[in-house]
Amino acid sequence: MAHILLPLINPGDLVLLPNPGYPIFSTGAFIAQANQWMYPLTAENHYLPDLAAIPEEVRRKARIMVVSYPANPVCKTAPDSFYEELIAFAEENNILIIHDNAYSDIIFDGKEGKSFLAFPGAKEVGVEFYSLSKSFNYTGARMSFVISKKEIISVFRRFRSQIDYGIFLPMQMGAIAALSTDDAVIQEQCAKYQERRDALCGGLREIGWNIPDSEGTMFAWGPLPEGYHDSNAFVMELMERTGVICTPGSSFGSLGEGHVRFALVLPPEEIKKAVKSIEESGIL
């Protein structure tokens, strides 16, 4: 995904990126020498971009908009109505939407993961990435794929053939095997992530730290405890006093400041121990 912008835009072209957002989005735009306009994701707007608030001069100049739901780091999903609005926005302004769908299989509370390209009109304005890293625990293999209309895929394929190498064949065969299975394993893993989510978010709220329930992804996102304002300083203090490690929200953009991101990578029993350590530390 870091390379998708290079064959699609010229240096100096404008791209729209989320703030907070996954850092590779901004890195990819930097590599392509693009101008970046960061659209805000705020709790007040349910961490969805306010498309109507993007200035007209920005919309007219923008070539590409990067969107990602379920969203890392803010751990929110988007309703169908948003995708419909996004498609109309892209059509009206001649903007290509790049949708990062890496966490479509890790959504909680019975919600359904969907492809952006499944919505009417999206295939004409959209590109979508899917990764096996999280759904199939295939992170080290670096296996993903991109889907779009032929004109875009052919350009990207030609570009990639000049800068990269093919994936090791056994890794490809493993990916085929994974994609050929039914969804039972994915659903089982999703249920385990939800158990971890409940242990972490629910446990922290019980001891006085208001971490909202993650709606999806393998992470949880929330504000700093009362009395703290610097996310970098807080995560260092948290680590030193409790042994619990999380990521400062400032790592994901200026609007990430004042927040932290937890990874749901331990069993519920271990997460409960972490919550107890935070409670006993007095940091709250």
Protein backbone atom coordinates (compact mmCIF):
# COMPACT_ATOMS: atom_id res chain seq x y z
CA MET A 1 0.00 0.00 0.00
CA ALA A 2 2.96 2.31 0.47
CA HIS A 3 3.52 2.28 -3.30
CA ILE A 4 0.00 2.63 -4.72
CA LEU A 5 0.19 6.41 -5.08
CA LEU A 6 3.42 6.44 -7.07
CA PRO A 7 2.02 5.31 -10.45
CA LEU A 8 -1.32 7.11 -9.98
CA ILE A 9 -0.35 10.72 -9.25
CA ASN A 10 2.31 13.29 -10.06
CA PRO A 11 4.55 15.05 -7.54
CA GLY A 12 2.66 17.93 -6.01
CA ASP A 13 -0.79 16.40 -6.47
CA LEU A 14 -3.11 16.61 -3.49
CA VAL A 15 -4.25 13.57 -1.50
CA LEU A 16 -6.72 13.45 1.39
CA LEU A 17 -5.62 11.43 4.43
CA PRO A 18 -7.18 10.66 7.83
CA ASN A 19 -6.00 12.25 11.06
CA PRO A 20 -5.58 10.16 13.18
CA GLY A 21 -4.61 7.49 10.70
CA TYR A 22 -2.35 4.53 10.06
CA PRO A 23 1.12 6.07 9.47
CA ILE A 24 1.74 4.20 6.19
CA PHE A 25 -0.90 6.39 4.53
CA SER A 26 1.14 9.52 5.11
CA THR A 27 4.39 7.69 4.36
CA GLY A 28 3.06 6.57 0.99
CA ALA A 29 2.03 10.11 0.14
CA PHE A 30 5.47 11.35 1.18
CA ILE A 31 7.19 8.80 -1.06
CA ALA A 32 5.02 9.95 -3.97
CA GLN A 33 5.90 13.60 -3.20
CA ALA A 34 2.23 14.43 -2.84
CA ASN A 35 0.75 17.34 -0.96
CA GLN A 36 -1.24 16.05 2.00
CA TRP A 37 -4.50 17.44 3.34
CA MET A 38 -5.50 15.77 6.58
CA TYR A 39 -9.21 15.36 7.16
CA PRO A 40 -10.11 15.18 10.86
CA LEU A 41 -11.61 12.13 12.54
CA THR A 42 -13.21 13.14 15.83
CA ALA A 43 -15.32 11.46 18.46
CA GLU A 44 -17.95 14.15 17.97
CA ASN A 45 -18.48 12.93 14.39
CA HIS A 46 -18.19 9.23 15.32
CA TYR A 47 -14.69 9.17 13.78
CA LEU A 48 -16.12 9.58 10.28
CA PRO A 49 -14.88 12.24 7.85
CA ASP A 50 -17.22 15.20 7.47
CA LEU A 51 -17.17 15.27 3.67
CA ALA A 52 -19.32 18.40 3.45
CA ALA A 53 -16.79 20.28 5.61
CA ILE A 54 -13.89 19.68 3.21
CA PRO A 55 -13.33 23.07 1.51
CA GLU A 56 -14.37 23.24 -2.14
CA GLU A 57 -10.92 24.33 -3.28
CA VAL A 58 -9.45 21.24 -1.58
CA ARG A 59 -12.03 18.92 -3.14
CA ARG A 60 -11.37 20.29 -6.60
CA LYS A 61 -7.61 19.83 -6.29
CA ALA A 62 -7.62 16.41 -4.63
CA ARG A 63 -6.78 13.40 -6.77
CA ILE A 64 -7.03 10.62 -4.19
CA MET A 65 -8.64 10.07 -0.80
CA VAL A 66 -7.49 7.29 1.52
CA VAL A 67 -10.19 5.77 3.74
CA SER A 68 -10.03 2.79 6.10
CA TYR A 69 -12.81 1.08 8.05
CA PRO A 70 -12.71 -0.72 10.39
CA ALA A 71 -10.24 2.00 11.28
CA ASN A 72 -6.82 1.65 12.83
CA PRO A 73 -6.12 3.32 15.27
CA VAL A 74 -9.57 4.64 16.24
CA CYS A 75 -11.25 1.20 16.14
CA LYS A 76 -14.51 2.35 14.56
CA THR A 77 -16.66 0.94 11.77
CA ALA A 78 -18.62 2.92 9.20
CA PRO A 79 -22.33 2.57 8.40
CA ASP A 80 -23.56 1.78 4.88
CA SER A 81 -24.84 5.34 4.56
CA PHE A 82 -21.29 6.68 4.84
CA TYR A 83 -20.06 4.58 1.92
CA GLU A 84 -22.97 5.75 -0.19
CA GLU A 85 -22.13 9.36 0.65
CA LEU A 86 -18.44 8.72 -0.04
CA ILE A 87 -19.15 7.31 -3.52
CA ALA A 88 -21.28 10.33 -4.41
CA PHE A 89 -18.51 12.62 -3.08
CA ALA A 90 -15.89 10.85 -5.20
CA GLU A 91 -18.04 10.98 -8.35
CA GLU A 92 -18.83 14.66 -7.89
CA ASN A 93 -15.22 15.68 -7.34
CA ASN A 94 -13.45 13.15 -9.59
CA ILE A 95 -11.51 11.69 -6.67
CA LEU A 96 -10.19 8.13 -6.52
CA ILE A 97 -10.96 6.40 -3.21
CA ILE A 98 -8.34 4.00 -1.83
CA HIS A 99 -9.95 1.86 0.85
CA ASP A 100 -7.76 -0.11 3.24
CA ASN A 101 -9.90 -3.07 4.32
CA ALA A 102 -7.32 -4.94 6.37
CA TYR A 103 -9.67 -5.55 9.32
CA SER A 104 -12.92 -6.46 7.59
CA ASP A 105 -12.92 -9.86 9.32
CA ILE A 106 -12.33 -8.48 12.82
CA ILE A 107 -15.56 -6.69 13.70
CA PHE A 108 -17.40 -7.11 16.97
CA ASP A 109 -20.91 -7.31 18.38
CA GLY A 110 -22.41 -9.09 15.39
CA LYS A 111 -21.61 -6.40 12.84
CA GLU A 112 -20.84 -7.53 9.29
CA GLY A 113 -17.57 -6.79 7.54
CA LYS A 114 -18.10 -5.55 4.01
CA SER A 115 -16.12 -4.59 0.95
CA PHE A 116 -16.29 -0.98 -0.17
CA LEU A 117 -16.44 -2.25 -3.74
CA ALA A 118 -19.71 -4.06 -2.98
CA PHE A 119 -21.58 -0.74 -2.88
CA PRO A 120 -23.16 0.50 -6.14
CA GLY A 121 -20.82 2.83 -8.00
CA ALA A 122 -17.76 2.03 -5.90
CA LYS A 123 -16.04 0.01 -8.62
CA GLU A 124 -15.86 3.12 -10.78
CA VAL A 125 -14.26 5.29 -8.13
CA GLY A 126 -12.49 2.86 -5.82
CA VAL A 127 -9.45 0.76 -5.06
CA GLU A 128 -9.49 -1.71 -2.17
CA PHE A 129 -6.70 -3.48 -0.32
CA TYR A 130 -7.21 -6.66 1.66
CA SER A 131 -4.57 -8.25 3.88
CA LEU A 132 -4.23 -11.81 5.12
CA SER A 133 -2.06 -10.57 7.98
CA LYS A 134 -4.78 -10.21 10.61
CA SER A 135 -7.59 -12.47 9.37
CA PHE A 136 -5.28 -15.46 8.91
CA ASN A 137 -2.35 -14.58 11.21
CA TYR A 138 -0.16 -14.29 8.12
CA THR A 139 1.66 -11.12 9.11
CA GLY A 140 5.22 -12.25 8.46
CA ALA A 141 4.36 -13.43 4.97
CA ARG A 142 3.40 -9.88 3.89
CA MET A 143 0.54 -11.20 1.80
CA SER A 144 -2.22 -8.95 0.53
CA PHE A 145 -4.03 -8.10 -2.68
CA VAL A 146 -5.62 -5.10 -4.33
CA ILE A 147 -8.81 -4.92 -6.39
CA SER A 148 -9.94 -2.18 -8.74
CA LYS A 149 -10.92 -1.62 -12.35
CA LYS A 150 -8.57 -2.88 -15.03
CA GLU A 151 -7.06 0.50 -15.92
CA ILE A 152 -5.78 1.07 -12.39
CA ILE A 153 -4.61 -2.48 -11.70
CA SER A 154 -2.67 -2.67 -14.97
CA VAL A 155 -0.80 0.56 -14.17
CA PHE A 156 -0.02 -0.57 -10.63
CA ARG A 157 1.03 -4.03 -11.79
CA ARG A 158 3.42 -2.60 -14.37
CA PHE A 159 4.92 -0.28 -11.76
CA ARG A 160 5.34 -3.01 -9.14
CA SER A 161 7.08 -5.27 -11.65
CA GLN A 162 9.90 -2.70 -11.79
CA ILE A 163 10.47 -2.17 -8.08
CA ASP A 164 9.73 -5.46 -6.33
CA TYR A 165 10.01 -9.23 -6.46
CA GLY A 166 7.44 -11.99 -6.50
CA ILE A 167 6.19 -13.54 -3.28
CA PHE A 168 7.87 -16.86 -2.32
CA LEU A 169 5.73 -19.57 -3.95
CA PRO A 170 5.02 -21.55 -0.73
CA MET A 171 3.70 -18.32 0.79
CA GLN A 172 1.37 -17.93 -2.18
CA MET A 173 0.17 -21.52 -1.78
CA GLY A 174 -0.47 -20.89 1.90
CA ALA A 175 -2.55 -17.84 1.02
CA ILE A 176 -4.58 -19.85 -1.49
CA ALA A 177 -5.21 -22.51 1.14
CA ALA A 178 -6.34 -19.87 3.64
CA LEU A 179 -8.70 -18.17 1.20
CA SER A 180 -10.12 -21.54 0.14
CA THR A 181 -11.31 -22.43 3.65
CA ASP A 182 -14.69 -21.57 5.11
CA ASP A 183 -15.16 -18.71 7.58
CA ALA A 184 -15.28 -20.86 10.71
CA VAL A 185 -11.67 -20.21 11.68
CA ILE A 186 -12.04 -16.47 11.07
CA GLN A 187 -15.21 -16.29 13.13
CA GLU A 188 -13.56 -18.21 15.95
CA GLN A 189 -10.61 -15.85 15.96
CA CYS A 190 -12.90 -12.82 15.87
CA ALA A 191 -14.73 -14.16 18.93
CA LYS A 192 -11.39 -14.45 20.75
CA TYR A 193 -10.54 -10.84 19.90
CA GLN A 194 -13.93 -9.77 21.23
CA GLU A 195 -13.28 -11.60 24.51
CA ARG A 196 -10.00 -9.71 24.79
CA ARG A 197 -11.77 -6.46 23.93
CA ASP A 198 -14.33 -7.06 26.66
CA ALA A 199 -11.62 -7.89 29.21
CA LEU A 200 -9.60 -4.78 28.41
CA CYS A 201 -12.16 -2.09 27.69
CA GLY A 202 -14.70 -3.32 30.22
CA GLY A 203 -12.03 -3.93 32.82
CA LEU A 204 -10.50 -0.47 32.44
CA ARG A 205 -13.89 1.21 32.68
CA GLU A 206 -14.58 -0.68 35.90
CA ILE A 207 -11.47 0.83 37.49
CA GLY A 208 -12.23 4.35 36.26
CA TRP A 209 -10.52 4.67 32.87
CA ASN A 210 -13.08 5.36 30.16
CA ILE A 211 -11.85 3.27 27.24
CA PRO A 212 -14.80 2.76 24.83
CA ASP A 213 -15.48 -0.67 23.40
CA SER A 214 -13.55 -1.21 20.19
CA GLU A 215 -15.94 -1.80 17.25
CA GLY A 216 -13.30 -3.62 15.22
CA THR A 217 -9.60 -4.22 14.46
CA MET A 218 -7.21 -5.93 16.86
CA PHE A 219 -6.85 -2.75 18.91
CA ALA A 220 -8.63 -0.54 21.43
CA TRP A 221 -8.49 3.26 21.45
CA GLY A 222 -9.38 5.76 24.11
CA PRO A 223 -8.57 9.03 25.86
CA LEU A 224 -5.87 9.48 28.45
CA PRO A 225 -7.00 9.29 32.07
CA GLU A 226 -8.03 12.52 33.73
CA GLY A 227 -5.11 14.76 34.60
CA TYR A 228 -2.88 13.58 31.73
CA HIS A 229 -2.35 15.48 28.47
CA ASP A 230 0.89 14.22 26.91
CA SER A 231 0.41 10.74 25.43
CA ASN A 232 4.14 10.07 25.03
CA ALA A 233 4.87 10.93 28.65
CA PHE A 234 1.87 8.97 29.86
CA VAL A 235 2.72 5.70 28.09
CA MET A 236 6.25 5.85 29.53
CA GLU A 237 4.88 6.37 33.03
CA LEU A 238 2.34 3.60 32.53
CA MET A 239 5.06 1.19 31.44
CA GLU A 240 7.34 2.07 34.34
CA ARG A 241 4.62 1.85 36.99
CA THR A 242 2.61 -1.12 35.71
CA GLY A 243 4.61 -2.98 33.04
CA VAL A 244 1.75 -2.36 30.59
CA ILE A 245 2.78 -1.11 27.16
CA CYS A 246 0.53 0.79 24.75
CA THR A 247 1.09 3.23 21.89
CA PRO A 248 0.79 7.03 22.25
CA GLY A 249 -1.97 8.46 20.11
CA SER A 250 0.35 11.17 18.82
CA SER A 251 2.05 8.45 16.71
CA PHE A 252 -1.01 8.50 14.45
CA GLY A 253 -1.31 12.22 13.80
CA SER A 254 -1.88 15.48 15.64
CA LEU A 255 -5.48 14.60 16.51
CA GLY A 256 -4.29 11.40 18.10
CA GLU A 257 -2.71 13.36 20.92
CA GLY A 258 -4.57 12.85 24.16
CA HIS A 259 -5.26 9.20 23.35
CA VAL A 260 -3.59 5.79 23.49
CA ARG A 261 -3.97 2.58 21.50
CA PHE A 262 -3.87 -0.88 23.06
CA ALA A 263 -3.23 -4.11 21.12
CA LEU A 264 -5.54 -7.03 21.88
CA VAL A 265 -2.79 -9.63 21.59
CA LEU A 266 -2.96 -11.45 24.93
CA PRO A 267 -5.51 -13.91 26.35
CA PRO A 268 -8.26 -12.44 28.57
CA GLU A 269 -6.58 -13.85 31.69
CA GLU A 270 -3.40 -11.90 30.99
CA ILE A 271 -5.35 -8.76 30.10
CA LYS A 272 -7.16 -8.96 33.44
CA LYS A 273 -3.77 -9.10 35.18
CA ALA A 274 -2.75 -5.96 33.28
CA VAL A 275 -5.93 -4.18 34.35
CA LYS A 276 -5.30 -5.17 37.98
CA SER A 277 -1.73 -3.88 37.73
CA ILE A 278 -3.02 -0.53 36.48
CA GLU A 279 -5.58 -0.37 39.30
CA GLU A 280 -3.01 -1.18 41.98
CA SER A 281 -0.44 1.29 40.60
CA GLY A 282 -2.50 4.35 41.53
CA ILE A 283 -1.83 5.92 38.13
CA LEU A 284 -5.53 6.62 37.73
